[in-house]
Amino acid sequence: LSLYLLNHFYDVQEGKKASFGSKLEFCESEFEKSVFMVLHEMGYTVTPQVKVGSYRIDLVVESDGDQRLAVECDGDSYHGPEQWHDDMTRQRALERAGWTFWRCFASSWSLEREHMIVSLINKLNVMGIQPIHGMSNLIQDVEQKVWVQEECNDLVLSV
């Protein structure tokens, strides 16, 4: 169990350090890419396709604290009435685990983009999630420590 937890947190750290290009490749649709790019350009820390248990969240926006927002990009062709029930069941399960959601349909993003961006930014502001303009990676790099032990003439040195 402890190895599983260590690997989980290692994967989370590696995911946060991924480059813009590699994160963009994880987006599963042009709609997700569009929302990801808007948030990234505004300076938010965004991670696409975040695994949470057996579920995946389209985009997760995080603060330097513990706040995080699940952003679901519902493509109109993939999220018809038959998919809506499953999406809401999944969302309710994740909300019970502490997640907060913001959902948007592709048609709303296309027709009312500015309004949807304002809605998303308002939600982020209410949650206390602010743009950090790249400082998160610097902070994470400083917080990560790697200890290498070398032996030299019966002395043990930590580098």
Protein backbone atom coordinates (compact mmCIF):
# COMPACT_ATOMS: atom_id res chain seq x y z
CA LEU A 1 0.00 0.00 0.00
CA SER A 2 2.75 2.50 0.87
CA LEU A 3 4.51 1.86 -2.46
CA TYR A 4 1.19 2.50 -4.22
CA LEU A 5 0.81 5.84 -2.38
CA LEU A 6 4.39 6.89 -3.12
CA ASN A 7 3.95 6.08 -6.81
CA HIS A 8 0.66 7.99 -6.86
CA PHE A 9 2.25 11.16 -5.47
CA TYR A 10 5.28 10.77 -7.72
CA ASP A 11 2.97 10.53 -10.74
CA VAL A 12 1.07 13.62 -9.58
CA GLN A 13 4.33 15.61 -9.24
CA GLU A 14 5.55 14.45 -12.65
CA GLY A 15 2.21 15.39 -14.21
CA LYS A 16 2.43 18.91 -12.82
CA LYS A 17 5.93 19.37 -14.26
CA ALA A 18 4.92 18.27 -17.75
CA SER A 19 5.48 20.82 -20.48
CA PHE A 20 2.69 22.80 -22.08
CA GLY A 21 2.98 20.75 -25.27
CA SER A 22 2.81 17.39 -23.54
CA LYS A 23 -0.17 18.51 -21.45
CA LEU A 24 -1.92 19.76 -24.58
CA GLU A 25 -1.50 16.30 -26.15
CA PHE A 26 -3.43 14.74 -23.25
CA CYS A 27 -6.52 16.79 -24.10
CA GLU A 28 -9.00 14.49 -25.84
CA SER A 29 -10.83 17.01 -28.02
CA GLU A 30 -10.39 20.38 -29.66
CA PHE A 31 -12.90 21.73 -27.13
CA GLU A 32 -10.75 20.56 -24.19
CA LYS A 33 -7.66 22.01 -25.88
CA SER A 34 -9.42 25.36 -26.28
CA VAL A 35 -10.43 25.55 -22.60
CA PHE A 36 -6.97 24.32 -21.53
CA MET A 37 -5.22 26.99 -23.64
CA VAL A 38 -7.42 29.81 -22.33
CA LEU A 39 -6.69 28.84 -18.73
CA HIS A 40 -2.98 28.27 -19.39
CA GLU A 41 -2.62 31.64 -21.14
CA MET A 42 -4.26 33.30 -18.13
CA GLY A 43 -1.60 31.77 -15.87
CA TYR A 44 -3.56 28.99 -14.17
CA THR A 45 -2.07 25.61 -13.32
CA VAL A 46 -4.11 23.16 -15.43
CA THR A 47 -3.70 19.41 -15.76
CA PRO A 48 -5.69 17.44 -18.36
CA GLN A 49 -7.14 13.94 -17.93
CA VAL A 50 -6.59 13.57 -14.18
CA LYS A 51 -7.25 10.07 -12.83
CA VAL A 52 -9.32 9.94 -9.65
CA GLY A 53 -9.99 6.36 -8.66
CA SER A 54 -11.62 4.68 -11.64
CA TYR A 55 -12.70 8.05 -13.10
CA ARG A 56 -11.00 10.72 -15.18
CA ILE A 57 -11.59 14.45 -15.02
CA ASP A 58 -11.14 16.42 -18.26
CA LEU A 59 -9.19 19.31 -16.71
CA VAL A 60 -8.17 20.14 -13.14
CA VAL A 61 -7.27 23.72 -12.20
CA GLU A 62 -5.25 24.03 -8.98
CA SER A 63 -4.06 26.71 -6.63
CA ASP A 64 -0.83 26.73 -4.65
CA GLY A 65 -2.96 25.64 -1.69
CA ASP A 66 -5.35 22.73 -1.55
CA GLN A 67 -8.05 24.19 -3.80
CA ARG A 68 -8.83 22.43 -7.05
CA LEU A 69 -11.63 22.68 -9.58
CA ALA A 70 -12.73 19.86 -11.89
CA VAL A 71 -13.57 21.27 -15.31
CA GLU A 72 -15.72 19.00 -17.46
CA CYS A 73 -15.85 19.77 -21.19
CA ASP A 74 -18.97 18.06 -22.48
CA GLY A 75 -18.76 17.62 -26.23
CA ASP A 76 -22.30 17.79 -27.62
CA SER A 77 -21.86 14.75 -29.85
CA TYR A 78 -20.53 12.60 -26.97
CA HIS A 79 -22.79 13.83 -24.17
CA GLY A 80 -26.32 13.21 -25.27
CA PRO A 81 -29.15 12.28 -22.91
CA GLU A 82 -27.92 8.69 -22.57
CA GLN A 83 -24.48 9.85 -21.33
CA TRP A 84 -25.80 12.60 -19.03
CA HIS A 85 -27.00 10.15 -16.35
CA ASP A 86 -23.58 8.45 -16.18
CA ASP A 87 -21.80 11.82 -16.08
CA MET A 88 -23.98 13.04 -13.20
CA THR A 89 -23.53 9.78 -11.27
CA ARG A 90 -19.75 10.10 -11.64
CA GLN A 91 -19.85 13.78 -10.68
CA ARG A 92 -21.92 13.10 -7.54
CA ALA A 93 -19.49 10.35 -6.48
CA LEU A 94 -16.52 12.71 -6.90
CA GLU A 95 -18.33 15.58 -5.15
CA ARG A 96 -18.81 13.28 -2.13
CA ALA A 97 -15.03 12.83 -2.19
CA GLY A 98 -14.54 16.63 -2.03
CA TRP A 99 -14.33 17.67 -5.68
CA THR A 100 -16.04 20.81 -7.01
CA PHE A 101 -17.14 20.88 -10.66
CA TRP A 102 -17.67 23.41 -13.43
CA ARG A 103 -19.27 21.98 -16.59
CA CYS A 104 -19.60 23.42 -20.06
CA PHE A 105 -21.06 22.11 -23.32
CA ALA A 106 -19.08 22.60 -26.51
CA SER A 107 -21.98 24.48 -28.10
CA SER A 108 -22.06 26.95 -25.17
CA TRP A 109 -18.29 27.46 -25.45
CA SER A 110 -18.63 28.05 -29.18
CA LEU A 111 -21.63 30.39 -29.05
CA GLU A 112 -21.03 32.18 -25.73
CA ARG A 113 -17.29 31.85 -25.25
CA GLU A 114 -16.74 35.15 -23.40
CA HIS A 115 -19.68 34.49 -21.08
CA MET A 116 -18.43 30.96 -20.34
CA ILE A 117 -14.90 32.24 -19.61
CA VAL A 118 -16.33 34.82 -17.19
CA SER A 119 -18.39 32.07 -15.52
CA LEU A 120 -15.32 29.84 -15.16
CA ILE A 121 -13.11 32.66 -13.83
CA ASN A 122 -15.83 33.66 -11.33
CA LYS A 123 -15.98 30.06 -10.08
CA LEU A 124 -12.18 29.97 -9.72
CA ASN A 125 -12.20 33.30 -7.86
CA VAL A 126 -14.92 32.14 -5.45
CA MET A 127 -12.78 29.08 -4.68
CA GLY A 128 -9.66 31.20 -4.15
CA ILE A 129 -7.85 29.74 -7.15
CA GLN A 130 -5.72 32.45 -8.73
CA PRO A 131 -3.35 32.45 -11.71
CA ILE A 132 0.21 31.83 -10.63
CA HIS A 133 1.98 32.50 -13.95
CA GLY A 134 4.45 29.62 -13.81
CA MET A 135 5.50 29.95 -10.16
CA SER A 136 4.07 26.53 -9.28
CA ASN A 137 6.77 24.61 -11.16
CA LEU A 138 9.49 26.65 -9.48
CA ILE A 139 8.02 25.96 -6.05
CA GLN A 140 7.62 22.24 -6.77
CA ASP A 141 11.20 21.96 -7.99
CA VAL A 142 12.46 23.58 -4.80
CA GLU A 143 10.31 21.34 -2.60
CA GLN A 144 11.49 18.11 -4.22
CA LYS A 145 14.68 16.74 -2.66
CA VAL A 146 16.77 13.86 -3.93
CA TRP A 147 19.36 12.36 -1.62
CA VAL A 148 22.31 10.54 -3.11
CA GLN A 149 24.64 8.67 -0.82
CA GLU A 150 28.25 8.10 -1.80
CA GLU A 151 30.97 6.26 0.09
CA CYS A 152 34.46 7.68 0.16
CA ASN A 153 37.30 6.26 2.32
CA ASP A 154 35.03 4.90 5.05
CA LEU A 155 33.10 8.20 5.18
CA VAL A 156 29.51 8.50 4.11
CA LEU A 157 28.70 11.76 2.36
CA SER A 158 25.25 13.07 1.59
CA VAL A 159 25.07 15.23 -1.49
